[in-house]
Amino acid sequence: MTLKPLEHKPIIKKRTRRFARFHSERFVRIKASWRKPRGIDSPMRRQYSGQRPMVSIGYGSDKATRHMLPCGFYKMRIHNVAQLDALLTENQKYAAEIAHGVSVRTRKVILAKAAEMGIKVLNSKSRMRLEEK
C-alpha cells in the first residue's frame, strides 16, 4: 500500500537564484559557495547597483510549503522504534527518515513497525543488504 499525503498547496518557489561568493568569478582559489561579504568597503555588502544580489529574507519560500518535500510529506528523523508513536496520528502529514547512525538490526525493526502502523519511511532502502551473508 502506497501512502499518499493529504491534499496540499503546490510548492512554488517565489524566486530561485544561485547566490555566489564575491569575486568567485575572478579567482580560482575562491569557490562559488555562498559567504556573506563582511569587508568595510565591500560594494556587494553595501549593495551597490550592478553587484550580485545578497541572500535575504525575500527569497524564502512560502510559509505553507516551507520544508515540505516534493512528495507532499514533512520529514521527521527517527532514532528508535519508540519515536514512531509520535507519527501514528500524523502519518498523512509526516514521513519518517531513519537517522544515519541507526544500526541495520534496528532499521529492520523500525521498518517492520512502520509498515504495520502505516507510516511512510523515506530512506527505507538505505544500508539494507539484499541478502544476508
Protein backbone atom coordinates (compact mmCIF):
# COMPACT_ATOMS: atom_id res chain seq x y z
CA MET A 1 0.00 0.00 0.00
CA THR A 2 1.47 3.33 -1.00
CA LEU A 3 0.85 6.13 1.42
CA LYS A 4 -0.25 9.45 -0.02
CA PRO A 5 -0.19 12.77 1.82
CA LEU A 6 -3.21 14.95 2.38
CA GLU A 7 -4.04 17.45 -0.35
CA HIS A 8 -1.63 20.33 -0.12
CA LYS A 9 -0.84 23.62 -1.77
CA PRO A 10 1.54 23.23 -4.72
CA ILE A 11 5.15 24.02 -3.86
CA ILE A 12 6.08 27.22 -5.67
CA LYS A 13 9.38 28.99 -5.16
CA LYS A 14 8.99 32.76 -5.13
CA ARG A 15 12.34 33.44 -6.74
CA THR A 16 15.07 30.95 -7.47
CA ARG A 17 18.59 32.25 -7.75
CA ARG A 18 22.11 30.97 -7.27
CA PHE A 19 23.98 33.12 -4.77
CA ALA A 20 27.70 33.14 -5.46
CA ARG A 21 30.51 34.40 -3.30
CA PHE A 22 32.01 37.83 -4.01
CA HIS A 23 34.90 37.66 -6.53
CA SER A 24 34.45 33.92 -7.06
CA GLU A 25 34.42 34.54 -10.81
CA ARG A 26 37.76 36.40 -10.65
CA PHE A 27 39.90 33.97 -8.67
CA VAL A 28 40.13 30.18 -8.94
CA ARG A 29 41.05 29.88 -5.26
CA ILE A 30 37.70 31.39 -4.22
CA LYS A 31 34.91 28.87 -4.66
CA ALA A 32 31.37 29.93 -5.52
CA SER A 33 29.74 28.65 -2.31
CA TRP A 34 27.96 31.48 -0.52
CA ARG A 35 29.75 33.50 2.15
CA LYS A 36 28.40 36.79 3.46
CA PRO A 37 30.69 39.69 2.48
CA ARG A 38 31.97 41.42 5.62
CA GLY A 39 34.52 43.91 4.34
CA ILE A 40 34.15 47.54 5.40
CA ASP A 41 34.39 48.75 1.80
CA SER A 42 32.76 45.79 0.07
CA PRO A 43 30.48 47.02 -2.73
CA MET A 44 28.47 43.81 -2.55
CA ARG A 45 27.83 44.22 1.18
CA ARG A 46 26.83 47.84 0.61
CA GLN A 47 24.52 46.66 -2.19
CA TYR A 48 25.68 48.98 -4.93
CA SER A 49 23.86 48.69 -8.23
CA GLY A 50 25.45 46.30 -10.66
CA GLN A 51 26.63 43.99 -7.88
CA ARG A 52 25.39 40.48 -7.24
CA PRO A 53 22.30 40.03 -5.08
CA MET A 54 22.81 39.04 -1.47
CA VAL A 55 20.87 36.42 0.42
CA SER A 56 17.85 37.99 2.11
CA ILE A 57 14.53 37.01 3.63
CA GLY A 58 12.65 37.92 0.45
CA TYR A 59 13.99 34.84 -1.33
CA GLY A 60 12.39 32.46 1.18
CA SER A 61 9.71 30.00 0.15
CA ASP A 62 6.02 30.14 1.03
CA LYS A 63 5.34 29.53 4.72
CA ALA A 64 2.64 26.95 3.97
CA THR A 65 5.00 24.77 1.95
CA ARG A 66 8.35 25.51 3.64
CA HIS A 67 10.27 22.30 4.48
CA MET A 68 7.73 20.26 2.52
CA LEU A 69 9.21 17.51 0.37
CA PRO A 70 8.19 17.17 -3.30
CA CYS A 71 6.13 14.10 -2.35
CA GLY A 72 3.99 16.28 -0.04
CA PHE A 73 5.27 14.98 3.31
CA TYR A 74 7.26 16.70 6.01
CA LYS A 75 10.23 14.71 7.26
CA MET A 76 10.84 13.62 10.85
CA ARG A 77 14.08 11.90 11.84
CA ILE A 78 13.67 8.63 13.73
CA HIS A 79 16.35 7.12 16.01
CA ASN A 80 14.36 4.28 17.61
CA VAL A 81 11.07 2.41 17.47
CA ALA A 82 9.51 4.46 20.28
CA GLN A 83 9.71 7.64 18.19
CA LEU A 84 7.37 6.12 15.59
CA ASP A 85 4.47 6.51 18.03
CA ALA A 86 4.59 10.29 17.55
CA LEU A 87 3.86 9.80 13.83
CA LEU A 88 0.93 7.44 14.29
CA THR A 89 -1.78 10.13 14.21
CA GLU A 90 0.06 12.33 11.69
CA ASN A 91 1.03 9.65 9.16
CA GLN A 92 -0.57 11.56 6.27
CA LYS A 93 1.41 14.71 7.02
CA TYR A 94 4.79 13.45 8.26
CA ALA A 95 7.08 10.74 6.91
CA ALA A 96 9.85 9.04 8.87
CA GLU A 97 13.51 9.28 7.96
CA ILE A 98 15.75 6.81 9.76
CA ALA A 99 18.79 8.57 11.23
CA HIS A 100 22.26 7.87 9.85
CA GLY A 101 23.69 6.25 12.97
CA VAL A 102 20.95 3.63 13.40
CA SER A 103 22.19 0.05 13.06
CA VAL A 104 20.91 -2.39 10.44
CA ARG A 105 19.25 -4.54 13.10
CA THR A 106 17.31 -1.58 14.50
CA ARG A 107 16.44 -0.43 10.96
CA LYS A 108 14.74 -3.76 10.28
CA VAL A 109 12.65 -3.41 13.44
CA ILE A 110 11.75 0.20 12.60
CA LEU A 111 10.75 -0.71 9.03
CA ALA A 112 8.58 -3.59 10.20
CA LYS A 113 6.84 -1.43 12.81
CA ALA A 114 6.36 1.46 10.33
CA ALA A 115 4.75 -0.86 7.78
CA GLU A 116 2.46 -2.19 10.49
CA MET A 117 1.49 1.35 11.59
CA GLY A 118 1.10 2.68 8.03
CA ILE A 119 3.94 5.21 8.21
CA LYS A 120 5.97 6.10 5.12
CA VAL A 121 9.74 5.71 5.52
CA LEU A 122 11.70 7.92 3.13
CA ASN A 123 15.03 6.10 3.23
CA SER A 124 13.79 2.54 3.62
CA LYS A 125 16.42 1.04 1.31
CA SER A 126 19.48 2.72 2.80
CA ARG A 127 22.08 0.46 4.44
CA MET A 128 19.90 -2.62 3.90
CA ARG A 129 21.51 -5.60 2.21
CA LEU A 130 19.53 -7.60 -0.32
CA GLU A 131 20.75 -10.88 1.09
CA GLU A 132 22.41 -11.59 4.39
CA LYS A 133 25.85 -13.20 4.19
